[in-house]
Amino acid sequence: QHGARTPAGVFARTGQRLLALAAGIWHTWTTGAKTKRSLIAYDH
């Protein structure tokens, strides 16, 4: 079994997506971009 539907698997995927979102936000702010990019680009 690959564990996709176990609570641990769901928690792991959710954590990965939140971490990726946080990294995208951090990158946008640390590059000093004058126009902030939409976070939709980090959705997939």
N, C-alpha and C. Protein backbone atom coordinates (compact mmCIF):
# COMPACT_ATOMS: atom_id res chain seq x y z
N GLN A 1 0.83 -1.19 0.00
CA GLN A 1 0.00 0.00 0.00
C GLN A 1 0.88 1.25 0.00
N HIS A 2 0.41 2.27 -0.70
CA HIS A 2 1.20 3.49 -0.81
C HIS A 2 0.90 4.51 0.27
N GLY A 3 -0.14 4.32 1.06
CA GLY A 3 -0.41 5.19 2.19
C GLY A 3 -1.05 6.53 1.84
N ALA A 4 -1.66 6.62 0.67
CA ALA A 4 -2.22 7.90 0.24
C ALA A 4 -3.42 8.32 1.08
N ARG A 5 -4.17 7.35 1.57
CA ARG A 5 -5.39 7.71 2.30
C ARG A 5 -5.26 7.50 3.80
N THR A 6 -4.11 7.17 4.26
CA THR A 6 -3.92 7.05 5.70
C THR A 6 -3.82 8.45 6.30
N PRO A 7 -4.13 8.60 7.57
CA PRO A 7 -3.98 9.92 8.20
C PRO A 7 -2.55 10.47 8.06
N ALA A 8 -1.57 9.60 8.18
CA ALA A 8 -0.18 10.05 8.04
C ALA A 8 0.10 10.53 6.62
N GLY A 9 -0.46 9.86 5.62
CA GLY A 9 -0.26 10.26 4.24
C GLY A 9 -0.92 11.60 3.93
N VAL A 10 -2.13 11.79 4.44
CA VAL A 10 -2.83 13.05 4.25
C VAL A 10 -2.07 14.17 4.94
N PHE A 11 -1.60 13.92 6.14
CA PHE A 11 -0.83 14.92 6.88
C PHE A 11 0.45 15.28 6.14
N ALA A 12 1.12 14.28 5.59
CA ALA A 12 2.37 14.52 4.86
C ALA A 12 2.12 15.37 3.62
N ARG A 13 1.09 15.06 2.85
CA ARG A 13 0.79 15.84 1.64
C ARG A 13 0.39 17.27 1.98
N THR A 14 -0.42 17.42 3.03
CA THR A 14 -0.83 18.75 3.45
C THR A 14 0.38 19.56 3.90
N GLY A 15 1.26 18.93 4.66
CA GLY A 15 2.47 19.61 5.11
C GLY A 15 3.36 20.03 3.96
N GLN A 16 3.50 19.16 2.96
CA GLN A 16 4.32 19.50 1.79
C GLN A 16 3.75 20.70 1.05
N ARG A 17 2.45 20.73 0.90
CA ARG A 17 1.83 21.84 0.16
C ARG A 17 1.94 23.15 0.93
N LEU A 18 1.77 23.08 2.25
CA LEU A 18 1.91 24.30 3.05
C LEU A 18 3.35 24.80 3.03
N LEU A 19 4.30 23.87 3.09
CA LEU A 19 5.71 24.25 3.02
C LEU A 19 6.04 24.88 1.67
N ALA A 20 5.51 24.32 0.59
CA ALA A 20 5.74 24.89 -0.74
C ALA A 20 5.12 26.28 -0.85
N LEU A 21 3.94 26.47 -0.29
CA LEU A 21 3.30 27.77 -0.31
C LEU A 21 4.11 28.79 0.48
N ALA A 22 4.58 28.39 1.66
CA ALA A 22 5.40 29.28 2.48
C ALA A 22 6.69 29.63 1.76
N ALA A 23 7.29 28.67 1.06
CA ALA A 23 8.52 28.93 0.31
C ALA A 23 8.25 29.92 -0.82
N GLY A 24 7.12 29.80 -1.48
CA GLY A 24 6.76 30.73 -2.54
C GLY A 24 6.56 32.14 -2.02
N ILE A 25 5.89 32.26 -0.89
CA ILE A 25 5.68 33.57 -0.28
C ILE A 25 7.02 34.16 0.15
N TRP A 26 7.84 33.36 0.79
CA TRP A 26 9.17 33.82 1.23
C TRP A 26 10.00 34.28 0.05
N HIS A 27 10.00 33.51 -1.03
CA HIS A 27 10.79 33.86 -2.21
C HIS A 27 10.32 35.18 -2.81
N THR A 28 9.01 35.37 -2.87
CA THR A 28 8.46 36.61 -3.43
C THR A 28 8.89 37.81 -2.60
N TRP A 29 8.86 37.68 -1.28
CA TRP A 29 9.21 38.81 -0.42
C TRP A 29 10.71 39.05 -0.36
N THR A 30 11.52 38.00 -0.39
CA THR A 30 12.97 38.20 -0.26
C THR A 30 13.63 38.68 -1.54
N THR A 31 13.00 38.48 -2.69
CA THR A 31 13.58 38.97 -3.93
C THR A 31 13.36 40.46 -4.10
N GLY A 32 12.50 41.04 -3.29
CA GLY A 32 12.25 42.47 -3.35
C GLY A 32 11.51 42.89 -4.61
N ALA A 33 10.68 42.01 -5.11
CA ALA A 33 9.92 42.32 -6.32
C ALA A 33 8.98 43.50 -6.06
N LYS A 34 8.97 44.44 -7.00
CA LYS A 34 8.10 45.61 -6.83
C LYS A 34 6.64 45.23 -6.97
N THR A 35 6.35 44.31 -7.87
CA THR A 35 4.98 43.81 -8.00
C THR A 35 4.97 42.37 -7.50
N LYS A 36 4.14 42.11 -6.55
CA LYS A 36 4.06 40.77 -5.97
C LYS A 36 3.30 39.85 -6.91
N ARG A 37 3.83 38.66 -7.12
CA ARG A 37 3.18 37.71 -8.01
C ARG A 37 2.01 37.03 -7.31
N SER A 38 1.08 36.60 -8.09
CA SER A 38 -0.07 35.88 -7.56
C SER A 38 0.38 34.53 -7.01
N LEU A 39 -0.20 34.11 -5.92
CA LEU A 39 0.14 32.81 -5.34
C LEU A 39 -0.48 31.66 -6.10
N ILE A 40 -1.36 31.95 -7.05
CA ILE A 40 -1.97 30.90 -7.85
C ILE A 40 -0.89 30.16 -8.64
N ALA A 41 0.19 30.84 -8.98
CA ALA A 41 1.28 30.20 -9.72
C ALA A 41 1.90 29.06 -8.91
N TYR A 42 1.78 29.10 -7.60
CA TYR A 42 2.37 28.07 -6.75
C TYR A 42 1.38 26.95 -6.42
N ASP A 43 0.19 27.02 -6.99
CA ASP A 43 -0.85 26.05 -6.67
C ASP A 43 -0.53 24.66 -7.20
N HIS A 44 0.05 24.57 -8.38
CA HIS A 44 0.33 23.26 -8.97
C HIS A 44 1.74 23.18 -9.44
